[in-house]
Amino acid sequence: MSKVIVNALRLVFLLALAAGFLLPLAASAATPSIHILHVEGTIVPIVADYIDRGITRAEDENAAVCIIELDTPGGLLGSTEEIVQRILNADVPVVVYVSPRGAWAASAGTFITLSAHIAAMAPGTTIGAAHPVAGGGEEIPEDQMQKIVEFSAEWMETIAQERGRNIEEARLAVTESKSFTDVDALEANLIDLRANSLEELISLIDGWEITLANGLEVTIDTSGYQMTRNEMSLIEGFLHGISDPNIAYILLSIGSIGIIAEIYSPGTFFPGIIGAISLLLAFYSLGVLDANLGGILLILLSFGLFIGELLTTSFGIFTAGGITALVLGSLILFPGGSLFQVDPWLIAVVAIVIAAVFAFVISRIVRIHRRQAATGREELVGKTALAKTDLEPEGIVLFKGERWTAVVKRGRVKAGETVVIDKVDGLKLYVSKKKTKG
């Protein structure tokens, strides 16, 4: 009899233990989960990766719905295609909500909005103007552009037809760059509803029946929902932040200036390290934005000429050429009519700052040159100078705070060693290694 009681107690214990695990799961399953993604800014590859990750997580956690808050001026066609394809094939209801007030979903944003199971807009928002443009601003032949426009228009029609939206008006957003306010878009059957806030949107979509790509029909249940915000990771946010033409231009300028500073004063390391990192980030950003290769090469040429000014003392000739190449390269980096643009004021500020710095450098060189003529070259002979770079046999030495091109007569001089000036020929010194006593 005692065994029966013991077994019964064990059974009760196991049932209680199982209930302790199952009750929270049942409560969790009964609470609808709503996943929120937030996209603000240009549509670039990192945004496509972020949306893919967010929708996948919503699917894995059996979320009731995945809402994408959208505010974008447009973006790259390739990234837009990835996002639209992911939304169309999602195994969870996807809602695109153009918000907040004053936001817009232009160009790529229109394709993304119309591809959603439910498209919504906040009051005071706009969609449309989806006519394709070249990302890097390169010239596209008229017949080729016509084919691109026709392809984009047919793609927009396919999306609209798939979601039961107004095909004619959707096509006009591409062919005629037509834009729609939230009121116009609702009347034209391009979106499904207007909502003043995210909370109102969640309330309005409760009970909507959605057919997923796999053919499964689901009814959205948002009663007593639990909200989960899936923000961009730190790395995703950083990469998206630098995927901006103005940021890319600043990084390119900082990187080049850092390299110049390292060449001018070797051994300091810090400017060179910052410059190298900035250049790598700039190349990533410019690559993502499909920048014009000719513009990049002209900008790099300009900084090469600036380096030449420091090393050869052309009294402003290399600087003038560098400023010209810099401005021309900056202007064609993202030409007019392209999706991206560098702020003209930013170009002007960078050019003026660099011109001012080199004007100061050149003025010092001119003063040094004049002082040399007044005192005579013989003053330098027999004096000591410090090698700034290795002399093999030619390099740079420092004499009374001034940089000189120097040639060692015999042997090799390492940076940091002291040399004696034996002869002056124009702006070039001929030196010998200082003998040490003992």
Protein backbone atom coordinates (compact mmCIF):
# COMPACT_ATOMS: atom_id res chain seq x y z
CA MET A 1 0.00 0.00 0.00
CA SER A 2 2.84 2.30 0.87
CA LYS A 3 4.33 1.77 -2.62
CA VAL A 4 1.08 2.89 -4.18
CA ILE A 5 1.11 6.09 -2.12
CA VAL A 6 4.75 6.76 -3.00
CA ASN A 7 4.10 6.26 -6.72
CA ALA A 8 1.06 8.49 -6.53
CA LEU A 9 3.11 11.23 -4.87
CA ARG A 10 5.78 10.89 -7.52
CA LEU A 11 3.16 11.22 -10.25
CA VAL A 12 1.71 14.34 -8.61
CA PHE A 13 5.20 15.80 -8.31
CA LEU A 14 5.99 15.15 -11.99
CA LEU A 15 2.66 16.63 -13.06
CA ALA A 16 3.28 19.73 -10.97
CA LEU A 17 6.77 20.04 -12.42
CA ALA A 18 5.48 19.72 -15.98
CA ALA A 19 2.77 22.28 -15.27
CA GLY A 20 5.43 24.67 -13.97
CA PHE A 21 7.19 24.51 -17.34
CA LEU A 22 4.13 24.44 -19.55
CA LEU A 23 2.11 27.24 -17.96
CA PRO A 24 4.63 30.02 -18.80
CA LEU A 25 4.93 28.64 -22.34
CA ALA A 26 1.18 28.60 -22.73
CA ALA A 27 0.95 32.15 -21.40
CA SER A 28 3.71 33.25 -23.78
CA ALA A 29 2.02 31.54 -26.72
CA ALA A 30 -1.25 33.26 -25.84
CA THR A 31 0.38 36.71 -25.97
CA PRO A 32 0.81 37.91 -29.58
CA SER A 33 4.33 39.08 -30.37
CA ILE A 34 4.80 42.05 -32.70
CA HIS A 35 8.29 42.65 -34.09
CA ILE A 36 9.22 46.22 -35.06
CA LEU A 37 12.01 47.10 -37.53
CA HIS A 38 13.10 50.68 -38.12
CA VAL A 39 14.62 51.85 -41.41
CA GLU A 40 15.66 55.47 -41.80
CA GLY A 41 17.95 56.66 -44.57
CA THR A 42 19.26 55.31 -47.84
CA ILE A 43 18.47 51.75 -48.91
CA VAL A 44 21.88 50.07 -49.17
CA PRO A 45 23.06 46.43 -48.76
CA ILE A 46 23.35 46.64 -44.97
CA VAL A 47 19.65 47.63 -44.78
CA ALA A 48 18.69 44.60 -46.87
CA ASP A 49 20.67 42.37 -44.49
CA TYR A 50 19.01 44.00 -41.47
CA ILE A 51 15.47 43.52 -42.83
CA ASP A 52 16.23 39.92 -43.78
CA ARG A 53 17.51 39.24 -40.25
CA GLY A 54 14.49 40.95 -38.68
CA ILE A 55 11.90 39.05 -40.74
CA THR A 56 13.73 35.75 -40.13
CA ARG A 57 13.65 36.33 -36.39
CA ALA A 58 9.94 37.16 -36.55
CA GLU A 59 9.33 33.91 -38.44
CA ASP A 60 11.41 31.85 -36.01
CA GLU A 61 9.54 33.26 -33.01
CA ASN A 62 6.10 32.83 -34.65
CA ALA A 63 5.37 36.54 -34.35
CA ALA A 64 1.85 37.73 -35.08
CA VAL A 65 3.18 40.40 -37.43
CA CYS A 66 6.41 42.16 -38.42
CA ILE A 67 6.12 45.94 -38.86
CA ILE A 68 8.74 47.95 -40.77
CA GLU A 69 8.77 51.67 -39.93
CA LEU A 70 10.09 53.30 -43.12
CA ASP A 71 11.52 56.73 -43.90
CA THR A 72 13.81 56.77 -46.95
CA PRO A 73 14.69 58.99 -49.92
CA GLY A 74 15.42 55.88 -51.98
CA GLY A 75 18.37 53.64 -52.58
CA LEU A 76 20.11 51.05 -54.69
CA LEU A 77 18.12 48.83 -57.04
CA GLY A 78 19.93 45.64 -56.02
CA SER A 79 19.23 46.18 -52.33
CA THR A 80 15.61 47.08 -53.08
CA GLU A 81 15.14 43.85 -55.04
CA GLU A 82 16.46 41.81 -52.10
CA ILE A 83 14.11 43.52 -49.64
CA VAL A 84 11.02 43.22 -51.87
CA GLN A 85 11.76 39.57 -52.56
CA ARG A 86 12.18 38.86 -48.84
CA ILE A 87 8.88 40.55 -47.98
CA LEU A 88 6.95 38.81 -50.77
CA ASN A 89 8.24 35.41 -49.58
CA ALA A 90 7.89 36.03 -45.84
CA ASP A 91 6.17 33.39 -43.72
CA VAL A 92 4.91 36.08 -41.35
CA PRO A 93 2.58 39.02 -42.11
CA VAL A 94 4.69 42.09 -42.97
CA VAL A 95 3.38 45.62 -42.54
CA VAL A 96 5.28 48.62 -43.95
CA TYR A 97 4.42 51.82 -42.11
CA VAL A 98 5.70 55.09 -43.63
CA SER A 99 6.27 57.25 -40.57
CA PRO A 100 6.64 59.56 -38.69
CA ARG A 101 4.81 62.67 -39.93
CA GLY A 102 6.84 64.35 -42.66
CA ALA A 103 8.56 61.10 -43.66
CA TRP A 104 8.61 59.78 -47.20
CA ALA A 105 9.13 56.53 -49.02
CA ALA A 106 10.48 57.77 -52.32
CA SER A 107 11.91 55.70 -55.16
CA ALA A 108 13.03 52.38 -53.58
CA GLY A 109 10.75 53.09 -50.62
CA THR A 110 7.69 52.95 -52.91
CA PHE A 111 8.55 49.44 -54.12
CA ILE A 112 9.10 48.30 -50.52
CA THR A 113 5.85 49.86 -49.28
CA LEU A 114 3.69 48.35 -52.01
CA SER A 115 5.24 44.89 -51.53
CA ALA A 116 3.98 44.61 -47.94
CA HIS A 117 0.97 42.50 -46.98
CA ILE A 118 -0.41 45.67 -45.40
CA ALA A 119 0.81 49.11 -46.49
CA ALA A 120 0.16 52.03 -44.15
CA MET A 121 1.14 55.69 -43.95
CA ALA A 122 1.10 58.29 -41.23
CA PRO A 123 -0.61 61.64 -41.93
CA GLY A 124 1.72 64.09 -43.69
CA THR A 125 3.85 61.41 -45.37
CA THR A 126 4.58 60.83 -49.06
CA ILE A 127 5.41 57.97 -51.41
CA GLY A 128 6.24 57.87 -55.13
CA ALA A 129 8.82 59.38 -57.49
CA ALA A 130 10.15 55.91 -58.29
CA HIS A 131 11.76 56.75 -61.64
CA PRO A 132 15.13 54.94 -61.76
CA VAL A 133 18.35 56.96 -61.74
CA ALA A 134 22.00 55.95 -61.94
CA GLY A 135 23.51 55.32 -58.54
CA GLY A 136 26.91 56.73 -59.44
CA GLY A 137 25.58 59.31 -61.85
CA GLU A 138 27.20 57.75 -64.92
CA GLU A 139 25.69 58.63 -68.27
CA ILE A 140 23.24 55.97 -69.46
CA PRO A 141 22.28 55.86 -73.16
CA GLU A 142 18.69 56.85 -73.80
CA ASP A 143 17.66 53.48 -75.20
CA GLN A 144 19.19 51.65 -72.24
CA MET A 145 17.52 53.99 -69.76
CA GLN A 146 14.20 53.39 -71.50
CA LYS A 147 14.64 49.65 -71.01
CA ILE A 148 15.48 50.18 -67.32
CA VAL A 149 12.38 52.36 -66.83
CA GLU A 150 10.17 49.81 -68.58
CA PHE A 151 11.58 46.98 -66.50
CA SER A 152 11.03 48.95 -63.28
CA ALA A 153 7.47 49.84 -64.32
CA GLU A 154 6.61 46.21 -65.07
CA TRP A 155 8.17 45.13 -61.78
CA MET A 156 6.05 47.70 -59.96
CA GLU A 157 2.96 46.39 -61.78
CA THR A 158 3.79 42.83 -60.70
CA ILE A 159 4.12 43.90 -57.07
CA ALA A 160 0.87 45.89 -57.18
CA GLN A 161 -1.00 43.01 -58.81
CA GLU A 162 0.36 40.54 -56.23
CA ARG A 163 -0.96 42.72 -53.40
CA GLY A 164 -4.20 43.76 -55.11
CA ARG A 165 -3.23 47.43 -55.46
CA ASN A 166 -3.87 49.99 -58.22
CA ILE A 167 -1.65 48.87 -61.12
CA GLU A 168 -2.07 52.02 -63.24
CA GLU A 169 -1.21 54.46 -60.45
CA ALA A 170 1.69 52.28 -59.32
CA ARG A 171 3.10 52.35 -62.83
CA LEU A 172 2.84 56.15 -63.00
CA ALA A 173 5.05 56.38 -59.90
CA VAL A 174 7.82 54.92 -62.08
CA THR A 175 7.17 56.25 -65.58
CA GLU A 176 6.16 59.80 -64.58
CA SER A 177 7.78 60.03 -61.12
CA LYS A 178 4.32 60.66 -59.68
CA SER A 179 4.16 61.25 -55.93
CA PHE A 180 1.26 60.59 -53.55
CA THR A 181 0.36 62.02 -50.18
CA ASP A 182 -1.07 59.63 -47.60
CA VAL A 183 -4.58 60.74 -48.56
CA ASP A 184 -3.90 60.38 -52.30
CA ALA A 185 -2.29 56.97 -51.84
CA LEU A 186 -5.28 55.67 -49.87
CA GLU A 187 -7.77 56.98 -52.43
CA ALA A 188 -5.72 55.49 -55.28
CA ASN A 189 -5.65 52.10 -53.53
CA LEU A 190 -1.87 52.08 -53.23
CA ILE A 191 -1.98 51.64 -49.47
CA ASP A 192 -4.44 49.96 -47.15
CA LEU A 193 -4.84 52.44 -44.31
CA ARG A 194 -3.68 55.59 -42.55
CA ALA A 195 -2.62 55.56 -38.90
CA ASN A 196 -1.67 58.43 -36.62
CA SER A 197 0.65 56.29 -34.52
CA LEU A 198 2.17 52.85 -34.23
CA GLU A 199 -0.30 51.96 -31.48
CA GLU A 200 -3.23 52.97 -33.70
CA LEU A 201 -1.79 50.94 -36.58
CA ILE A 202 -1.53 47.83 -34.38
CA SER A 203 -5.15 48.33 -33.30
CA LEU A 204 -6.36 48.78 -36.91
CA ILE A 205 -4.71 45.63 -38.30
CA ASP A 206 -6.20 43.39 -35.60
CA GLY A 207 -8.35 40.75 -37.30
CA TRP A 208 -6.98 41.28 -40.84
CA GLU A 209 -6.77 38.09 -42.88
CA ILE A 210 -3.50 37.62 -44.74
CA THR A 211 -2.45 34.96 -47.26
CA LEU A 212 1.26 34.18 -46.99
CA ALA A 213 3.55 33.13 -49.84
CA ASN A 214 3.28 29.48 -48.76
CA GLY A 215 -0.50 29.64 -49.23
CA LEU A 216 -1.28 29.67 -45.52
CA GLU A 217 -4.12 31.99 -44.53
CA VAL A 218 -3.63 33.69 -41.17
CA THR A 219 -5.66 36.14 -39.14
CA ILE A 220 -3.63 38.83 -37.40
CA ASP A 221 -4.31 38.88 -33.66
CA THR A 222 -2.88 41.87 -31.78
CA SER A 223 -5.02 41.69 -28.64
CA GLY A 224 -2.83 42.07 -25.55
CA TYR A 225 0.27 42.11 -27.75
CA GLN A 226 3.90 42.16 -26.65
CA MET A 227 6.15 44.47 -28.69
CA THR A 228 9.73 43.52 -29.62
CA ARG A 229 11.93 46.15 -31.24
CA ASN A 230 14.70 44.68 -33.40
CA GLU A 231 17.07 47.59 -33.90
CA MET A 232 20.17 47.52 -36.04
CA SER A 233 23.22 46.09 -34.32
CA LEU A 234 26.12 48.40 -33.51
CA ILE A 235 28.04 47.24 -36.60
CA GLU A 236 24.98 47.50 -38.85
CA GLY A 237 24.25 51.01 -37.59
CA PHE A 238 27.87 52.08 -38.11
CA LEU A 239 28.07 50.70 -41.66
CA HIS A 240 24.72 52.27 -42.53
CA GLY A 241 25.88 55.58 -41.06
CA ILE A 242 29.00 55.76 -43.23
CA SER A 243 27.04 54.72 -46.34
CA ASP A 244 26.38 58.38 -47.04
CA PRO A 245 28.07 60.40 -49.79
CA ASN A 246 29.03 63.28 -47.48
CA ILE A 247 30.44 60.93 -44.83
CA ALA A 248 32.34 59.01 -47.51
CA TYR A 249 33.81 62.27 -48.84
CA ILE A 250 34.86 63.39 -45.35
CA LEU A 251 36.48 60.01 -44.66
CA LEU A 252 38.33 60.16 -47.98
CA SER A 253 39.63 63.65 -47.16
CA ILE A 254 40.67 62.73 -43.60
CA GLY A 255 42.36 59.57 -44.84
CA SER A 256 44.37 61.39 -47.49
CA ILE A 257 45.37 64.21 -45.13
CA GLY A 258 46.47 61.64 -42.53
CA ILE A 259 48.71 59.90 -45.06
CA ILE A 260 50.17 63.26 -46.15
CA ALA A 261 50.90 64.17 -42.52
CA GLU A 262 52.65 60.84 -41.98
CA ILE A 263 54.81 61.33 -45.08
CA TYR A 264 55.65 64.90 -44.05
CA SER A 265 56.62 63.83 -40.53
CA PRO A 266 57.46 60.11 -40.60
CA GLY A 267 57.49 58.20 -37.36
CA THR A 268 54.53 59.93 -35.70
CA PHE A 269 52.31 56.92 -36.63
CA PHE A 270 49.02 58.35 -35.31
CA PRO A 271 48.11 60.40 -38.45
CA GLY A 272 49.09 57.49 -40.67
CA ILE A 273 46.99 54.98 -38.72
CA ILE A 274 43.94 57.26 -38.66
CA GLY A 275 44.46 58.03 -42.34
CA ALA A 276 44.69 54.37 -43.36
CA ILE A 277 41.56 53.42 -41.40
CA SER A 278 39.63 56.39 -42.82
CA LEU A 279 40.66 55.50 -46.37
CA LEU A 280 39.51 51.91 -45.98
CA LEU A 281 36.14 53.03 -44.61
CA ALA A 282 35.84 55.60 -47.41
CA PHE A 283 36.50 52.95 -50.07
CA TYR A 284 33.85 50.71 -48.49
CA SER A 285 31.32 53.53 -48.48
CA LEU A 286 32.12 54.68 -52.02
CA GLY A 287 31.93 51.09 -53.24
CA VAL A 288 28.50 50.62 -51.66
CA LEU A 289 27.28 53.89 -53.21
CA ASP A 290 28.62 53.05 -56.69
CA ALA A 291 30.73 56.21 -56.82
CA ASN A 292 32.23 57.31 -60.12
CA LEU A 293 35.69 55.72 -60.46
CA GLY A 294 36.98 58.73 -62.39
CA GLY A 295 36.08 61.03 -59.51
CA ILE A 296 37.84 58.78 -56.98
CA LEU A 297 41.01 58.66 -59.11
CA LEU A 298 41.05 62.45 -59.55
CA ILE A 299 40.75 62.97 -55.79
CA LEU A 300 43.57 60.52 -55.13
CA LEU A 301 45.64 62.27 -57.81
CA SER A 302 45.05 65.59 -56.05
CA PHE A 303 46.46 64.29 -52.78
CA GLY A 304 49.38 62.77 -54.67
CA LEU A 305 50.15 66.25 -56.01
CA PHE A 306 49.94 67.66 -52.49
CA ILE A 307 52.50 65.09 -51.37
CA GLY A 308 54.65 66.11 -54.32
CA GLU A 309 54.49 69.72 -53.11
CA LEU A 310 55.87 68.70 -49.73
CA LEU A 311 58.66 66.55 -51.12
CA THR A 312 59.88 68.63 -54.09
CA THR A 313 58.97 72.24 -53.24
CA SER A 314 57.38 73.34 -56.54
CA PHE A 315 56.42 76.72 -55.02
CA GLY A 316 52.70 76.17 -55.54
CA ILE A 317 52.56 74.45 -58.92
CA PHE A 318 51.67 71.04 -57.49
CA THR A 319 49.28 72.64 -55.01
CA ALA A 320 47.38 74.45 -57.78
CA GLY A 321 47.13 71.23 -59.74
CA GLY A 322 46.03 69.35 -56.63
CA ILE A 323 43.25 71.83 -55.80
CA THR A 324 42.02 71.67 -59.41
CA ALA A 325 42.00 67.85 -59.42
CA LEU A 326 40.31 67.80 -56.01
CA VAL A 327 37.45 70.08 -57.06
CA LEU A 328 36.92 68.32 -60.40
CA GLY A 329 37.00 64.87 -58.78
CA SER A 330 34.58 65.98 -56.06
CA LEU A 331 32.11 67.33 -58.61
CA ILE A 332 32.04 64.17 -60.73
CA LEU A 333 32.16 61.76 -57.78
CA PHE A 334 28.35 61.82 -57.76
CA PRO A 335 27.32 63.94 -60.79
CA GLY A 336 24.04 65.79 -61.12
CA GLY A 337 21.07 63.53 -61.73
CA SER A 338 22.52 60.70 -59.68
CA LEU A 339 20.85 59.18 -56.66
CA PHE A 340 23.56 60.47 -54.31
CA GLN A 341 25.19 63.90 -54.01
CA VAL A 342 28.05 65.46 -52.07
CA ASP A 343 27.06 68.79 -50.55
CA PRO A 344 28.71 71.56 -52.64
CA TRP A 345 29.42 73.51 -49.44
CA LEU A 346 31.36 70.55 -48.08
CA ILE A 347 33.47 70.43 -51.24
CA ALA A 348 34.15 74.17 -50.93
CA VAL A 349 35.14 73.92 -47.25
CA VAL A 350 37.56 71.02 -47.87
CA ALA A 351 39.16 72.78 -50.85
CA ILE A 352 39.54 76.08 -48.95
CA VAL A 353 41.03 74.44 -45.86
CA ILE A 354 43.57 72.46 -47.90
CA ALA A 355 44.45 75.51 -50.00
CA ALA A 356 44.98 77.58 -46.83
CA VAL A 357 47.23 74.93 -45.27
CA PHE A 358 49.42 74.65 -48.34
CA ALA A 359 49.50 78.42 -48.80
CA PHE A 360 51.01 78.60 -45.32
CA VAL A 361 53.52 75.86 -46.15
CA ILE A 362 54.53 77.53 -49.40
CA SER A 363 54.93 80.93 -47.71
CA ARG A 364 57.34 79.35 -45.22
CA ILE A 365 59.31 77.77 -48.02
CA VAL A 366 59.54 81.11 -49.83
CA ARG A 367 60.74 82.85 -46.64
CA ILE A 368 63.34 80.17 -46.13
CA HIS A 369 64.52 80.56 -49.70
CA ARG A 370 64.88 84.33 -49.35
CA ARG A 371 66.69 84.03 -46.04
CA GLN A 372 69.15 81.68 -47.64
CA ALA A 373 69.98 84.22 -50.34
CA ALA A 374 70.55 86.94 -47.76
CA THR A 375 72.83 85.01 -45.46
CA GLY A 376 74.72 83.03 -48.07
CA ARG A 377 74.98 79.32 -48.60
CA GLU A 378 78.36 79.18 -46.95
CA GLU A 379 76.62 79.61 -43.60
CA LEU A 380 75.27 76.05 -43.86
CA VAL A 381 78.57 74.34 -44.64
CA GLY A 382 80.01 72.62 -41.59
CA LYS A 383 76.72 72.77 -39.66
CA THR A 384 74.94 69.66 -38.45
CA ALA A 385 71.48 68.47 -39.39
CA LEU A 386 69.21 65.65 -38.27
CA ALA A 387 68.15 62.92 -40.70
CA LYS A 388 64.34 62.68 -40.79
CA THR A 389 64.37 59.75 -43.20
CA ASP A 390 66.93 57.20 -44.24
CA LEU A 391 69.49 58.58 -46.70
CA GLU A 392 70.09 55.86 -49.29
CA PRO A 393 71.76 58.02 -50.55
CA GLU A 394 68.96 60.66 -50.82
CA GLY A 395 66.44 61.58 -48.16
CA ILE A 396 65.18 64.39 -45.93
CA VAL A 397 67.12 66.16 -43.17
CA LEU A 398 66.04 68.80 -40.66
CA PHE A 399 68.20 71.91 -40.22
CA LYS A 400 67.03 74.63 -37.80
CA GLY A 401 63.43 73.42 -38.11
CA GLU A 402 63.57 73.40 -41.94
CA ARG A 403 63.28 70.31 -44.15
CA TRP A 404 65.94 69.86 -46.84
CA THR A 405 66.57 67.29 -49.50
CA ALA A 406 69.96 65.80 -48.75
CA VAL A 407 72.36 63.34 -50.38
CA VAL A 408 74.97 61.43 -48.38
CA LYS A 409 78.32 61.07 -50.12
CA ARG A 410 79.30 57.72 -48.74
CA GLY A 411 77.52 54.95 -46.91
CA ARG A 412 74.01 55.07 -45.54
CA VAL A 413 72.45 57.27 -42.86
CA LYS A 414 69.52 56.09 -40.79
CA ALA A 415 66.66 58.31 -39.66
CA GLY A 416 67.54 60.01 -36.38
CA GLU A 417 71.29 60.15 -37.01
CA THR A 418 73.25 63.41 -37.22
CA VAL A 419 74.97 64.49 -40.44
CA VAL A 420 77.39 67.30 -41.37
CA ILE A 421 76.62 69.62 -44.28
CA ASP A 422 79.56 69.58 -46.73
CA LYS A 423 78.07 71.37 -49.73
CA VAL A 424 74.97 73.28 -50.82
CA ASP A 425 73.72 73.01 -54.40
CA GLY A 426 70.52 74.99 -54.94
CA LEU A 427 68.00 73.52 -52.53
CA LYS A 428 69.89 70.27 -52.11
CA LEU A 429 72.43 69.52 -49.39
CA TYR A 430 75.36 67.16 -49.71
CA VAL A 431 76.19 65.68 -46.34
CA SER A 432 78.37 63.14 -44.61
CA LYS A 433 77.76 61.05 -41.56
CA LYS A 434 79.00 62.77 -38.40
CA LYS A 435 81.90 60.91 -36.87
CA THR A 436 81.46 59.84 -33.28
CA LYS A 437 84.28 60.33 -30.77
CA GLY A 438 86.00 57.45 -29.11
